[in-house]
N, C-alpha and C. Protein backbone atom coordinates (compact mmCIF):
# COMPACT_ATOMS: atom_id res chain seq x y z
N MET A 1 19.15 -9.48 4.37
CA MET A 1 19.05 -9.84 2.96
C MET A 1 17.66 -10.39 2.65
N THR A 2 17.15 -11.27 3.52
CA THR A 2 15.82 -11.84 3.29
C THR A 2 14.76 -10.75 3.30
N ASP A 3 14.87 -9.79 4.25
CA ASP A 3 13.91 -8.68 4.30
C ASP A 3 13.96 -7.87 3.02
N GLU A 4 15.15 -7.65 2.49
CA GLU A 4 15.30 -6.89 1.26
C GLU A 4 14.65 -7.63 0.10
N ILE A 5 14.85 -8.93 0.04
CA ILE A 5 14.27 -9.73 -1.05
C ILE A 5 12.74 -9.74 -0.95
N ILE A 6 12.22 -9.86 0.27
CA ILE A 6 10.77 -9.80 0.47
C ILE A 6 10.23 -8.47 -0.04
N SER A 7 10.93 -7.37 0.28
CA SER A 7 10.50 -6.05 -0.18
C SER A 7 10.53 -5.96 -1.70
N ARG A 8 11.54 -6.56 -2.32
CA ARG A 8 11.65 -6.52 -3.79
C ARG A 8 10.53 -7.32 -4.44
N ILE A 9 10.21 -8.48 -3.89
CA ILE A 9 9.11 -9.28 -4.44
C ILE A 9 7.79 -8.53 -4.24
N GLU A 10 7.61 -7.94 -3.06
CA GLU A 10 6.41 -7.16 -2.78
C GLU A 10 6.24 -6.04 -3.80
N GLU A 11 7.32 -5.33 -4.08
CA GLU A 11 7.29 -4.24 -5.05
C GLU A 11 7.00 -4.78 -6.45
N ASP A 12 7.57 -5.92 -6.79
CA ASP A 12 7.30 -6.52 -8.10
C ASP A 12 5.84 -6.92 -8.25
N ILE A 13 5.22 -7.34 -7.15
CA ILE A 13 3.80 -7.66 -7.18
C ILE A 13 2.99 -6.39 -7.46
N VAL A 14 3.36 -5.31 -6.80
CA VAL A 14 2.66 -4.03 -6.98
C VAL A 14 2.72 -3.59 -8.44
N PHE A 15 3.88 -3.76 -9.07
CA PHE A 15 4.07 -3.24 -10.42
C PHE A 15 3.86 -4.29 -11.51
N GLY A 16 3.24 -5.40 -11.14
CA GLY A 16 2.78 -6.34 -12.16
C GLY A 16 3.82 -7.28 -12.72
N VAL A 17 5.04 -7.28 -12.17
CA VAL A 17 6.01 -8.29 -12.59
C VAL A 17 5.44 -9.68 -12.28
N TYR A 18 4.80 -9.76 -11.11
CA TYR A 18 4.03 -10.95 -10.73
C TYR A 18 2.58 -10.48 -10.60
N PRO A 19 1.76 -10.63 -11.63
CA PRO A 19 0.42 -10.04 -11.65
C PRO A 19 -0.57 -10.81 -10.76
N PRO A 20 -1.72 -10.21 -10.47
CA PRO A 20 -2.76 -10.90 -9.69
C PRO A 20 -3.09 -12.25 -10.30
N GLY A 21 -3.06 -13.27 -9.48
CA GLY A 21 -3.35 -14.63 -9.95
C GLY A 21 -2.15 -15.33 -10.56
N GLY A 22 -1.04 -14.59 -10.75
CA GLY A 22 0.16 -15.17 -11.34
C GLY A 22 0.90 -16.08 -10.37
N LYS A 23 1.56 -17.07 -10.92
CA LYS A 23 2.28 -18.05 -10.10
C LYS A 23 3.70 -17.59 -9.83
N LEU A 24 4.16 -17.82 -8.60
CA LEU A 24 5.55 -17.58 -8.23
C LEU A 24 6.29 -18.91 -8.28
N VAL A 25 7.19 -19.04 -9.22
CA VAL A 25 7.91 -20.31 -9.42
C VAL A 25 9.15 -20.30 -8.54
N GLU A 26 9.22 -21.25 -7.63
CA GLU A 26 10.31 -21.28 -6.65
C GLU A 26 11.69 -21.36 -7.30
N ASP A 27 11.82 -22.21 -8.31
CA ASP A 27 13.13 -22.36 -8.95
C ASP A 27 13.59 -21.04 -9.57
N GLN A 28 12.69 -20.33 -10.20
CA GLN A 28 13.04 -19.05 -10.83
C GLN A 28 13.41 -18.01 -9.78
N LEU A 29 12.65 -17.96 -8.70
CA LEU A 29 12.95 -17.01 -7.63
C LEU A 29 14.27 -17.34 -6.94
N GLY A 30 14.50 -18.64 -6.72
CA GLY A 30 15.75 -19.05 -6.09
C GLY A 30 16.95 -18.68 -6.92
N GLU A 31 16.84 -18.87 -8.22
CA GLU A 31 17.93 -18.51 -9.11
C GLU A 31 18.13 -16.99 -9.17
N ARG A 32 17.04 -16.27 -9.21
CA ARG A 32 17.12 -14.81 -9.30
C ARG A 32 17.79 -14.21 -8.07
N PHE A 33 17.41 -14.68 -6.90
CA PHE A 33 17.89 -14.06 -5.66
C PHE A 33 19.01 -14.83 -4.97
N GLY A 34 19.34 -15.99 -5.50
CA GLY A 34 20.41 -16.76 -4.90
C GLY A 34 20.06 -17.30 -3.52
N LEU A 35 18.80 -17.68 -3.35
CA LEU A 35 18.34 -18.18 -2.06
C LEU A 35 18.27 -19.70 -2.05
N SER A 36 18.54 -20.27 -0.90
CA SER A 36 18.31 -21.71 -0.75
C SER A 36 16.81 -21.96 -0.74
N ARG A 37 16.41 -23.18 -1.01
CA ARG A 37 14.98 -23.50 -1.03
C ARG A 37 14.35 -23.22 0.34
N TYR A 38 15.10 -23.50 1.42
CA TYR A 38 14.57 -23.25 2.77
C TYR A 38 14.30 -21.75 2.97
N ASN A 39 15.29 -20.91 2.64
CA ASN A 39 15.13 -19.47 2.84
C ASN A 39 14.07 -18.88 1.91
N LEU A 40 13.98 -19.42 0.70
CA LEU A 40 12.97 -18.94 -0.23
C LEU A 40 11.58 -19.26 0.31
N ARG A 41 11.38 -20.46 0.79
CA ARG A 41 10.06 -20.82 1.32
C ARG A 41 9.73 -20.01 2.56
N SER A 42 10.75 -19.67 3.34
CA SER A 42 10.54 -18.81 4.49
C SER A 42 10.07 -17.43 4.04
N ALA A 43 10.69 -16.90 2.97
CA ALA A 43 10.30 -15.60 2.43
C ALA A 43 8.87 -15.64 1.90
N LEU A 44 8.52 -16.71 1.20
CA LEU A 44 7.17 -16.84 0.66
C LEU A 44 6.14 -16.96 1.78
N SER A 45 6.51 -17.61 2.86
CA SER A 45 5.60 -17.73 4.01
C SER A 45 5.32 -16.35 4.61
N ILE A 46 6.36 -15.52 4.66
CA ILE A 46 6.17 -14.17 5.19
C ILE A 46 5.27 -13.36 4.27
N LEU A 47 5.46 -13.50 2.96
CA LEU A 47 4.59 -12.81 2.00
C LEU A 47 3.15 -13.30 2.13
N GLN A 48 2.98 -14.58 2.46
CA GLN A 48 1.63 -15.10 2.66
C GLN A 48 1.02 -14.49 3.93
N GLU A 49 1.81 -14.36 4.98
CA GLU A 49 1.33 -13.74 6.22
C GLU A 49 0.94 -12.28 5.98
N LYS A 50 1.64 -11.63 5.06
CA LYS A 50 1.34 -10.24 4.72
C LYS A 50 0.09 -10.12 3.86
N GLY A 51 -0.42 -11.24 3.37
CA GLY A 51 -1.63 -11.21 2.57
C GLY A 51 -1.41 -10.90 1.11
N LEU A 52 -0.18 -11.15 0.61
CA LEU A 52 0.14 -10.84 -0.78
C LEU A 52 0.13 -12.07 -1.68
N VAL A 53 0.40 -13.23 -1.12
CA VAL A 53 0.39 -14.47 -1.90
C VAL A 53 -0.38 -15.53 -1.13
N GLU A 54 -0.71 -16.61 -1.83
CA GLU A 54 -1.36 -17.73 -1.18
C GLU A 54 -0.78 -19.03 -1.71
N LYS A 55 -0.71 -20.03 -0.85
CA LYS A 55 -0.24 -21.35 -1.24
C LYS A 55 -1.44 -22.23 -1.53
N ILE A 56 -1.44 -22.81 -2.74
CA ILE A 56 -2.54 -23.67 -3.16
C ILE A 56 -2.01 -25.10 -3.24
N PRO A 57 -2.61 -26.03 -2.51
CA PRO A 57 -2.13 -27.41 -2.50
C PRO A 57 -1.97 -27.97 -3.91
N ASN A 58 -0.80 -28.54 -4.16
CA ASN A 58 -0.46 -29.18 -5.43
C ASN A 58 -0.37 -28.21 -6.61
N ARG A 59 -0.45 -26.92 -6.33
CA ARG A 59 -0.37 -25.95 -7.42
C ARG A 59 0.65 -24.84 -7.16
N GLY A 60 1.24 -24.84 -5.98
CA GLY A 60 2.29 -23.87 -5.69
C GLY A 60 1.77 -22.57 -5.09
N VAL A 61 2.53 -21.51 -5.31
CA VAL A 61 2.24 -20.21 -4.71
C VAL A 61 1.82 -19.24 -5.80
N ARG A 62 0.75 -18.51 -5.57
CA ARG A 62 0.33 -17.51 -6.56
C ARG A 62 0.01 -16.20 -5.86
N VAL A 63 0.04 -15.12 -6.62
CA VAL A 63 -0.29 -13.80 -6.10
C VAL A 63 -1.79 -13.74 -5.83
N ILE A 64 -2.14 -13.17 -4.69
CA ILE A 64 -3.54 -13.00 -4.34
C ILE A 64 -4.25 -12.19 -5.43
N GLU A 65 -5.47 -12.61 -5.76
CA GLU A 65 -6.28 -11.88 -6.73
C GLU A 65 -7.66 -11.62 -6.13
N PRO A 66 -7.80 -10.54 -5.37
CA PRO A 66 -9.10 -10.24 -4.78
C PRO A 66 -10.10 -9.81 -5.84
N THR A 67 -11.37 -10.01 -5.56
CA THR A 67 -12.40 -9.50 -6.45
C THR A 67 -12.54 -7.99 -6.22
N PRO A 68 -13.13 -7.27 -7.18
CA PRO A 68 -13.38 -5.84 -6.95
C PRO A 68 -14.19 -5.58 -5.69
N LYS A 69 -15.17 -6.44 -5.40
CA LYS A 69 -15.97 -6.29 -4.19
C LYS A 69 -15.09 -6.39 -2.95
N GLU A 70 -14.15 -7.32 -2.96
CA GLU A 70 -13.24 -7.47 -1.82
C GLU A 70 -12.34 -6.24 -1.67
N ILE A 71 -11.90 -5.68 -2.79
CA ILE A 71 -11.09 -4.46 -2.74
C ILE A 71 -11.90 -3.32 -2.12
N ASP A 72 -13.16 -3.16 -2.55
CA ASP A 72 -14.01 -2.12 -1.99
C ASP A 72 -14.19 -2.32 -0.48
N GLU A 73 -14.34 -3.56 -0.05
CA GLU A 73 -14.52 -3.84 1.38
C GLU A 73 -13.24 -3.54 2.15
N LEU A 74 -12.09 -3.81 1.54
CA LEU A 74 -10.82 -3.49 2.19
C LEU A 74 -10.67 -1.97 2.36
N TYR A 75 -11.10 -1.22 1.35
CA TYR A 75 -11.05 0.24 1.47
C TYR A 75 -11.98 0.73 2.57
N GLU A 76 -13.13 0.08 2.74
CA GLU A 76 -14.04 0.46 3.82
C GLU A 76 -13.37 0.27 5.18
N ILE A 77 -12.65 -0.85 5.33
CA ILE A 77 -11.96 -1.12 6.59
C ILE A 77 -10.84 -0.10 6.80
N ARG A 78 -10.11 0.21 5.73
CA ARG A 78 -9.05 1.22 5.84
C ARG A 78 -9.62 2.56 6.29
N LEU A 79 -10.76 2.92 5.73
CA LEU A 79 -11.38 4.19 6.09
C LEU A 79 -11.69 4.24 7.59
N LEU A 80 -12.23 3.15 8.11
CA LEU A 80 -12.56 3.08 9.54
C LEU A 80 -11.30 3.15 10.40
N LEU A 81 -10.30 2.35 10.06
CA LEU A 81 -9.08 2.29 10.86
C LEU A 81 -8.33 3.62 10.85
N GLU A 82 -8.14 4.18 9.67
CA GLU A 82 -7.32 5.38 9.56
C GLU A 82 -8.05 6.61 10.11
N SER A 83 -9.37 6.65 9.96
CA SER A 83 -10.14 7.74 10.55
C SER A 83 -10.05 7.69 12.07
N HIS A 84 -10.16 6.49 12.62
CA HIS A 84 -10.08 6.36 14.08
C HIS A 84 -8.69 6.72 14.59
N ALA A 85 -7.66 6.30 13.86
CA ALA A 85 -6.30 6.66 14.26
C ALA A 85 -6.12 8.17 14.26
N ALA A 86 -6.68 8.83 13.26
CA ALA A 86 -6.59 10.29 13.19
C ALA A 86 -7.30 10.93 14.37
N SER A 87 -8.46 10.37 14.74
CA SER A 87 -9.23 10.95 15.85
C SER A 87 -8.51 10.78 17.19
N GLN A 88 -7.61 9.79 17.28
CA GLN A 88 -6.88 9.51 18.52
C GLN A 88 -5.52 10.19 18.57
N THR A 89 -5.12 10.87 17.51
CA THR A 89 -3.77 11.45 17.42
C THR A 89 -3.72 12.80 18.12
N PRO A 90 -2.79 12.96 19.07
CA PRO A 90 -2.65 14.26 19.75
C PRO A 90 -2.18 15.33 18.77
N LEU A 91 -2.83 16.49 18.84
CA LEU A 91 -2.48 17.62 17.97
C LEU A 91 -2.15 18.85 18.82
N PRO A 92 -1.30 19.73 18.31
CA PRO A 92 -0.53 19.59 17.07
C PRO A 92 0.57 18.54 17.19
N ALA A 93 0.95 17.95 16.06
CA ALA A 93 2.00 16.93 16.06
C ALA A 93 3.35 17.57 16.35
N HIS A 94 4.30 16.76 16.79
CA HIS A 94 5.64 17.26 17.13
C HIS A 94 6.31 17.85 15.88
N PRO A 95 7.00 18.98 16.03
CA PRO A 95 7.65 19.60 14.87
C PRO A 95 8.58 18.67 14.11
N SER A 96 9.25 17.75 14.79
CA SER A 96 10.16 16.83 14.10
C SER A 96 9.39 15.89 13.18
N LEU A 97 8.18 15.49 13.59
CA LEU A 97 7.35 14.64 12.73
C LEU A 97 6.87 15.43 11.51
N ILE A 98 6.47 16.67 11.73
CA ILE A 98 6.06 17.52 10.62
C ILE A 98 7.19 17.68 9.62
N GLU A 99 8.38 17.93 10.11
CA GLU A 99 9.54 18.10 9.23
C GLU A 99 9.80 16.84 8.42
N SER A 100 9.72 15.68 9.08
CA SER A 100 9.96 14.41 8.39
C SER A 100 8.93 14.18 7.29
N LEU A 101 7.67 14.52 7.56
CA LEU A 101 6.62 14.36 6.57
C LEU A 101 6.83 15.30 5.38
N GLU A 102 7.25 16.52 5.64
CA GLU A 102 7.49 17.47 4.56
C GLU A 102 8.63 16.99 3.66
N ILE A 103 9.69 16.47 4.27
CA ILE A 103 10.81 15.95 3.50
C ILE A 103 10.36 14.77 2.63
N LYS A 104 9.59 13.87 3.25
CA LYS A 104 9.15 12.67 2.51
C LYS A 104 8.19 13.05 1.38
N ASN A 105 7.32 14.01 1.61
CA ASN A 105 6.41 14.42 0.55
C ASN A 105 7.16 15.10 -0.59
N GLN A 106 8.21 15.84 -0.27
CA GLN A 106 9.02 16.45 -1.32
C GLN A 106 9.74 15.38 -2.14
N GLU A 107 10.25 14.35 -1.46
CA GLU A 107 10.89 13.24 -2.17
C GLU A 107 9.89 12.52 -3.07
N HIS A 108 8.68 12.35 -2.56
CA HIS A 108 7.59 11.75 -3.34
C HIS A 108 7.32 12.58 -4.59
N LYS A 109 7.24 13.90 -4.42
CA LYS A 109 6.97 14.81 -5.53
C LYS A 109 8.07 14.75 -6.58
N GLU A 110 9.32 14.72 -6.13
CA GLU A 110 10.45 14.68 -7.07
C GLU A 110 10.48 13.35 -7.83
N ALA A 111 10.17 12.26 -7.14
CA ALA A 111 10.14 10.95 -7.81
C ALA A 111 9.03 10.91 -8.86
N ALA A 112 7.87 11.50 -8.53
CA ALA A 112 6.77 11.55 -9.50
C ALA A 112 7.16 12.36 -10.73
N ALA A 113 7.86 13.48 -10.51
CA ALA A 113 8.28 14.34 -11.62
C ALA A 113 9.25 13.61 -12.55
N LYS A 114 10.06 12.74 -11.97
CA LYS A 114 11.03 11.97 -12.76
C LYS A 114 10.41 10.74 -13.40
N GLY A 115 9.19 10.40 -12.99
CA GLY A 115 8.57 9.17 -13.49
C GLY A 115 9.12 7.92 -12.85
N ASP A 116 9.77 8.06 -11.69
CA ASP A 116 10.32 6.92 -10.97
C ASP A 116 9.22 6.36 -10.06
N LEU A 117 8.37 5.53 -10.63
CA LEU A 117 7.17 5.10 -9.93
C LEU A 117 7.46 4.16 -8.76
N ARG A 118 8.53 3.41 -8.87
CA ARG A 118 8.88 2.54 -7.73
C ARG A 118 9.31 3.39 -6.54
N ALA A 119 10.03 4.47 -6.80
CA ALA A 119 10.39 5.38 -5.72
C ALA A 119 9.15 6.07 -5.16
N VAL A 120 8.20 6.42 -6.03
CA VAL A 120 6.94 6.99 -5.58
C VAL A 120 6.26 6.04 -4.59
N PHE A 121 6.22 4.78 -4.94
CA PHE A 121 5.61 3.76 -4.07
C PHE A 121 6.30 3.72 -2.72
N ARG A 122 7.64 3.68 -2.73
CA ARG A 122 8.38 3.58 -1.47
C ARG A 122 8.21 4.83 -0.62
N HIS A 123 8.25 6.01 -1.25
CA HIS A 123 8.10 7.26 -0.49
C HIS A 123 6.69 7.39 0.08
N ASN A 124 5.70 6.91 -0.66
CA ASN A 124 4.33 6.95 -0.16
C ASN A 124 4.18 6.09 1.09
N LEU A 125 4.73 4.89 1.06
CA LEU A 125 4.68 4.02 2.23
C LEU A 125 5.37 4.67 3.42
N ALA A 126 6.53 5.26 3.18
CA ALA A 126 7.28 5.89 4.26
C ALA A 126 6.52 7.09 4.83
N PHE A 127 5.89 7.86 3.96
CA PHE A 127 5.10 9.02 4.42
C PHE A 127 4.04 8.59 5.42
N HIS A 128 3.29 7.55 5.07
CA HIS A 128 2.19 7.14 5.94
C HIS A 128 2.69 6.41 7.19
N SER A 129 3.82 5.76 7.10
CA SER A 129 4.42 5.17 8.30
C SER A 129 4.77 6.27 9.30
N ILE A 130 5.35 7.35 8.82
CA ILE A 130 5.68 8.49 9.69
C ILE A 130 4.39 9.12 10.22
N GLN A 131 3.43 9.33 9.33
CA GLN A 131 2.17 9.96 9.72
C GLN A 131 1.50 9.22 10.88
N PHE A 132 1.32 7.91 10.73
CA PHE A 132 0.57 7.17 11.74
C PHE A 132 1.41 6.81 12.96
N SER A 133 2.71 7.08 12.91
CA SER A 133 3.53 6.90 14.12
C SER A 133 3.09 7.87 15.21
N ALA A 134 2.35 8.93 14.84
CA ALA A 134 1.86 9.90 15.82
C ALA A 134 0.66 9.36 16.59
N CYS A 135 0.04 8.28 16.08
CA CYS A 135 -1.09 7.67 16.79
C CYS A 135 -0.55 6.83 17.94
N PRO A 136 -1.04 7.02 19.16
CA PRO A 136 -0.47 6.32 20.31
C PRO A 136 -0.82 4.84 20.41
N ASN A 137 -1.79 4.36 19.61
CA ASN A 137 -2.25 2.97 19.69
C ASN A 137 -1.42 2.10 18.74
N GLU A 138 -0.49 1.34 19.30
CA GLU A 138 0.41 0.52 18.47
C GLU A 138 -0.34 -0.54 17.68
N LYS A 139 -1.33 -1.18 18.29
CA LYS A 139 -2.08 -2.23 17.59
C LYS A 139 -2.88 -1.65 16.43
N LEU A 140 -3.38 -0.45 16.62
CA LEU A 140 -4.10 0.21 15.54
C LEU A 140 -3.15 0.55 14.40
N ARG A 141 -1.96 1.00 14.72
CA ARG A 141 -0.95 1.28 13.69
C ARG A 141 -0.63 0.01 12.90
N ASP A 142 -0.48 -1.11 13.60
CA ASP A 142 -0.19 -2.37 12.92
C ASP A 142 -1.33 -2.77 11.99
N ALA A 143 -2.56 -2.58 12.43
CA ALA A 143 -3.72 -2.94 11.61
C ALA A 143 -3.79 -2.06 10.36
N ILE A 144 -3.47 -0.79 10.51
CA ILE A 144 -3.46 0.12 9.36
C ILE A 144 -2.46 -0.34 8.32
N GLU A 145 -1.26 -0.70 8.77
CA GLU A 145 -0.23 -1.19 7.85
C GLU A 145 -0.68 -2.48 7.17
N GLN A 146 -1.29 -3.37 7.93
CA GLN A 146 -1.73 -4.65 7.39
C GLN A 146 -2.77 -4.46 6.28
N TYR A 147 -3.76 -3.63 6.52
CA TYR A 147 -4.82 -3.45 5.53
C TYR A 147 -4.39 -2.58 4.36
N ALA A 148 -3.45 -1.68 4.58
CA ALA A 148 -2.90 -0.91 3.46
C ALA A 148 -2.16 -1.85 2.51
N ARG A 149 -1.47 -2.83 3.06
CA ARG A 149 -0.72 -3.77 2.23
C ARG A 149 -1.66 -4.64 1.40
N LYS A 150 -2.82 -4.95 1.93
CA LYS A 150 -3.76 -5.81 1.22
C LYS A 150 -4.28 -5.19 -0.07
N VAL A 151 -4.16 -3.86 -0.21
CA VAL A 151 -4.59 -3.23 -1.46
C VAL A 151 -3.41 -2.80 -2.32
N HIS A 152 -2.22 -3.29 -2.00
CA HIS A 152 -1.05 -3.02 -2.84
C HIS A 152 -1.31 -3.39 -4.29
N ILE A 153 -2.10 -4.42 -4.47
CA ILE A 153 -2.31 -5.00 -5.80
C ILE A 153 -2.94 -4.00 -6.77
N VAL A 154 -3.60 -2.96 -6.24
CA VAL A 154 -4.28 -2.00 -7.13
C VAL A 154 -3.54 -0.67 -7.23
N ARG A 155 -2.45 -0.49 -6.49
CA ARG A 155 -1.81 0.82 -6.42
C ARG A 155 -1.20 1.26 -7.75
N ALA A 156 -0.43 0.39 -8.36
CA ALA A 156 0.35 0.81 -9.53
C ALA A 156 -0.53 1.19 -10.70
N VAL A 157 -1.75 0.68 -10.75
CA VAL A 157 -2.66 1.03 -11.84
C VAL A 157 -2.84 2.54 -11.90
N LYS A 158 -2.87 3.19 -10.74
CA LYS A 158 -3.10 4.63 -10.67
C LYS A 158 -1.82 5.43 -10.87
N TYR A 159 -0.68 4.81 -10.67
CA TYR A 159 0.58 5.55 -10.72
C TYR A 159 0.89 6.07 -12.12
N PHE A 160 0.26 5.50 -13.12
CA PHE A 160 0.51 5.95 -14.48
C PHE A 160 -0.37 7.14 -14.86
N ASP A 161 -1.17 7.60 -13.92
CA ASP A 161 -2.03 8.76 -14.11
C ASP A 161 -1.39 9.95 -13.40
N ALA A 162 -0.83 10.88 -14.19
CA ALA A 162 -0.12 12.03 -13.61
C ALA A 162 -1.03 12.88 -12.73
N SER A 163 -2.30 13.00 -13.12
CA SER A 163 -3.22 13.81 -12.33
C SER A 163 -3.49 13.17 -10.97
N HIS A 164 -3.50 11.82 -10.94
CA HIS A 164 -3.67 11.12 -9.67
C HIS A 164 -2.48 11.39 -8.75
N LEU A 165 -1.28 11.32 -9.28
CA LEU A 165 -0.09 11.56 -8.47
C LEU A 165 -0.09 12.99 -7.93
N GLU A 166 -0.54 13.93 -8.73
CA GLU A 166 -0.60 15.32 -8.27
C GLU A 166 -1.61 15.46 -7.13
N ARG A 167 -2.75 14.79 -7.25
CA ARG A 167 -3.74 14.83 -6.17
C ARG A 167 -3.18 14.23 -4.89
N VAL A 168 -2.43 13.14 -5.01
CA VAL A 168 -1.83 12.51 -3.84
C VAL A 168 -0.88 13.47 -3.14
N ILE A 169 -0.06 14.17 -3.90
CA ILE A 169 0.88 15.14 -3.32
C ILE A 169 0.12 16.24 -2.59
N GLN A 170 -0.96 16.72 -3.20
CA GLN A 170 -1.78 17.76 -2.57
C GLN A 170 -2.46 17.24 -1.30
N GLN A 171 -2.92 16.00 -1.35
CA GLN A 171 -3.56 15.41 -0.17
C GLN A 171 -2.55 15.20 0.95
N HIS A 172 -1.34 14.80 0.60
CA HIS A 172 -0.29 14.68 1.61
C HIS A 172 -0.03 16.03 2.28
N ALA A 173 0.01 17.09 1.46
CA ALA A 173 0.24 18.43 2.01
C ALA A 173 -0.89 18.82 2.95
N ALA A 174 -2.13 18.45 2.62
CA ALA A 174 -3.27 18.75 3.48
C ALA A 174 -3.16 18.00 4.81
N ILE A 175 -2.68 16.76 4.74
CA ILE A 175 -2.48 15.97 5.97
C ILE A 175 -1.45 16.65 6.85
N VAL A 176 -0.34 17.08 6.26
CA VAL A 176 0.72 17.75 7.03
C VAL A 176 0.18 19.03 7.64
N SER A 177 -0.55 19.80 6.87
CA SER A 177 -1.10 21.06 7.37
C SER A 177 -2.03 20.83 8.55
N SER A 178 -2.88 19.80 8.46
CA SER A 178 -3.82 19.53 9.55
C SER A 178 -3.11 19.02 10.80
N LEU A 179 -1.99 18.33 10.61
CA LEU A 179 -1.21 17.86 11.77
C LEU A 179 -0.53 19.02 12.49
N ARG A 180 -0.31 20.12 11.79
CA ARG A 180 0.27 21.31 12.43
C ARG A 180 -0.73 21.99 13.36
N GLY A 181 -2.01 21.84 13.05
CA GLY A 181 -3.04 22.54 13.80
C GLY A 181 -3.54 21.75 15.00
N SER A 182 -4.63 22.20 15.54
CA SER A 182 -5.19 21.56 16.74
C SER A 182 -6.62 21.08 16.54
N ASP A 183 -7.11 21.13 15.29
CA ASP A 183 -8.47 20.72 14.99
C ASP A 183 -8.48 19.26 14.52
N THR A 184 -8.89 18.38 15.39
CA THR A 184 -8.90 16.94 15.08
C THR A 184 -9.79 16.63 13.89
N TRP A 185 -10.96 17.30 13.80
CA TRP A 185 -11.87 17.01 12.70
C TRP A 185 -11.25 17.34 11.34
N THR A 186 -10.46 18.41 11.29
CA THR A 186 -9.79 18.76 10.04
C THR A 186 -8.81 17.67 9.63
N TYR A 187 -8.11 17.12 10.61
CA TYR A 187 -7.17 16.03 10.32
C TYR A 187 -7.91 14.78 9.88
N VAL A 188 -9.00 14.44 10.56
CA VAL A 188 -9.79 13.27 10.18
C VAL A 188 -10.29 13.41 8.74
N GLN A 189 -10.77 14.59 8.39
CA GLN A 189 -11.27 14.81 7.04
C GLN A 189 -10.15 14.69 5.99
N ALA A 190 -8.97 15.20 6.32
CA ALA A 190 -7.83 15.09 5.40
C ALA A 190 -7.46 13.63 5.17
N VAL A 191 -7.54 12.83 6.22
CA VAL A 191 -7.24 11.40 6.11
C VAL A 191 -8.31 10.70 5.27
N ARG A 192 -9.57 11.01 5.53
CA ARG A 192 -10.67 10.36 4.81
C ARG A 192 -10.63 10.69 3.31
N GLU A 193 -10.30 11.92 2.98
CA GLU A 193 -10.28 12.33 1.58
C GLU A 193 -9.14 11.66 0.81
N HIS A 194 -8.16 11.15 1.54
CA HIS A 194 -7.01 10.52 0.89
C HIS A 194 -7.26 9.05 0.53
N ILE A 195 -8.31 8.48 1.09
CA ILE A 195 -8.61 7.06 0.85
C ILE A 195 -9.70 6.94 -0.20
N PRO A 196 -9.42 6.31 -1.35
CA PRO A 196 -10.46 6.16 -2.38
C PRO A 196 -11.56 5.22 -1.92
N ALA A 197 -12.77 5.45 -2.41
CA ALA A 197 -13.88 4.58 -2.05
C ALA A 197 -13.78 3.22 -2.72
N SER A 198 -13.14 3.20 -3.89
CA SER A 198 -13.01 1.94 -4.63
C SER A 198 -11.91 2.14 -5.68
N SER A 199 -11.62 1.07 -6.42
CA SER A 199 -10.65 1.17 -7.50
C SER A 199 -11.32 0.76 -8.81
N GLN A 200 -11.81 1.75 -9.54
CA GLN A 200 -12.51 1.46 -10.80
C GLN A 200 -11.57 0.82 -11.81
N ALA A 201 -10.30 1.28 -11.81
CA ALA A 201 -9.35 0.73 -12.78
C ALA A 201 -9.16 -0.77 -12.55
N TYR A 202 -9.08 -1.19 -11.29
CA TYR A 202 -8.91 -2.61 -10.99
C TYR A 202 -10.18 -3.38 -11.39
N ARG A 203 -11.35 -2.79 -11.11
CA ARG A 203 -12.61 -3.45 -11.47
C ARG A 203 -12.69 -3.66 -12.98
N THR A 204 -12.29 -2.63 -13.75
CA THR A 204 -12.33 -2.74 -15.20
C THR A 204 -11.43 -3.86 -15.70
N ALA A 205 -10.20 -3.90 -15.18
CA ALA A 205 -9.25 -4.94 -15.59
C ALA A 205 -9.75 -6.33 -15.21
N TYR A 206 -10.34 -6.44 -14.03
CA TYR A 206 -10.84 -7.73 -13.56
C TYR A 206 -11.99 -8.21 -14.44
N GLU A 207 -12.90 -7.29 -14.78
CA GLU A 207 -14.05 -7.68 -15.59
C GLU A 207 -13.65 -8.01 -17.03
N LEU A 208 -12.61 -7.34 -17.53
CA LEU A 208 -12.12 -7.71 -18.85
C LEU A 208 -11.53 -9.11 -18.84
N LYS A 209 -10.93 -9.49 -17.72
CA LYS A 209 -10.28 -10.80 -17.62
C LYS A 209 -11.29 -11.91 -17.44
N TYR A 210 -12.32 -11.64 -16.60
CA TYR A 210 -13.24 -12.71 -16.22
C TYR A 210 -14.67 -12.53 -16.73
N GLY A 211 -14.97 -11.35 -17.23
CA GLY A 211 -16.34 -11.05 -17.60
C GLY A 211 -17.07 -10.40 -16.45
N VAL A 212 -18.12 -9.71 -16.75
CA VAL A 212 -18.87 -8.95 -15.72
C VAL A 212 -19.32 -9.85 -14.60
N SER A 213 -19.74 -11.07 -14.92
CA SER A 213 -20.29 -11.98 -13.89
C SER A 213 -19.25 -12.35 -12.85
N GLY A 214 -17.94 -12.19 -13.18
CA GLY A 214 -16.92 -12.54 -12.19
C GLY A 214 -16.57 -11.41 -11.27
N ALA A 215 -17.19 -10.24 -11.44
CA ALA A 215 -16.78 -9.05 -10.68
C ALA A 215 -17.20 -9.07 -9.23
N SER A 216 -18.15 -9.93 -8.87
CA SER A 216 -18.61 -9.96 -7.49
C SER A 216 -17.85 -10.96 -6.66
């Protein structure tokens, strides 16, 4: 139950129910989820470990609000980690992994067509979890998951762009296709093309909130 609640809060952060810099009020969360104060604080501690919230002395818990520069730097780290994982992945991938990825990408596509953006988010996470399970380095897989989560805060901004969702589906298909083959460089390139260099939409929103001088 606690894991489910953590996932629900995480998803709410992604979709702006709890926006960047917004405060998480313990009494409201406890009432919403029916958690004791002890279990709620345990859940919030886990979210803090995941890099989604921070505890500020005498001010409570708030959603992390990275600067655009920090988001760009996180994407740089993701590019390095995921490219290296791709370079270390034995090819061709096992047929069962390919099948699982195709199913998940189809579910992602159907959710996008329905406008079910929360399902899109969940299917996207599942797709990449399956994808990187083919990398033999467990610590590298953990690092990829950790840094992918750190940019959750900017994901939903793009989900309202139908052309972006279509590109994601096409990029997923390219990843699956490259995993079927034996050319590591093709797979590395498919992975690199799937990671944006920055999030202009987040930068724009941040600068509107704080002014241009706050963007760094």
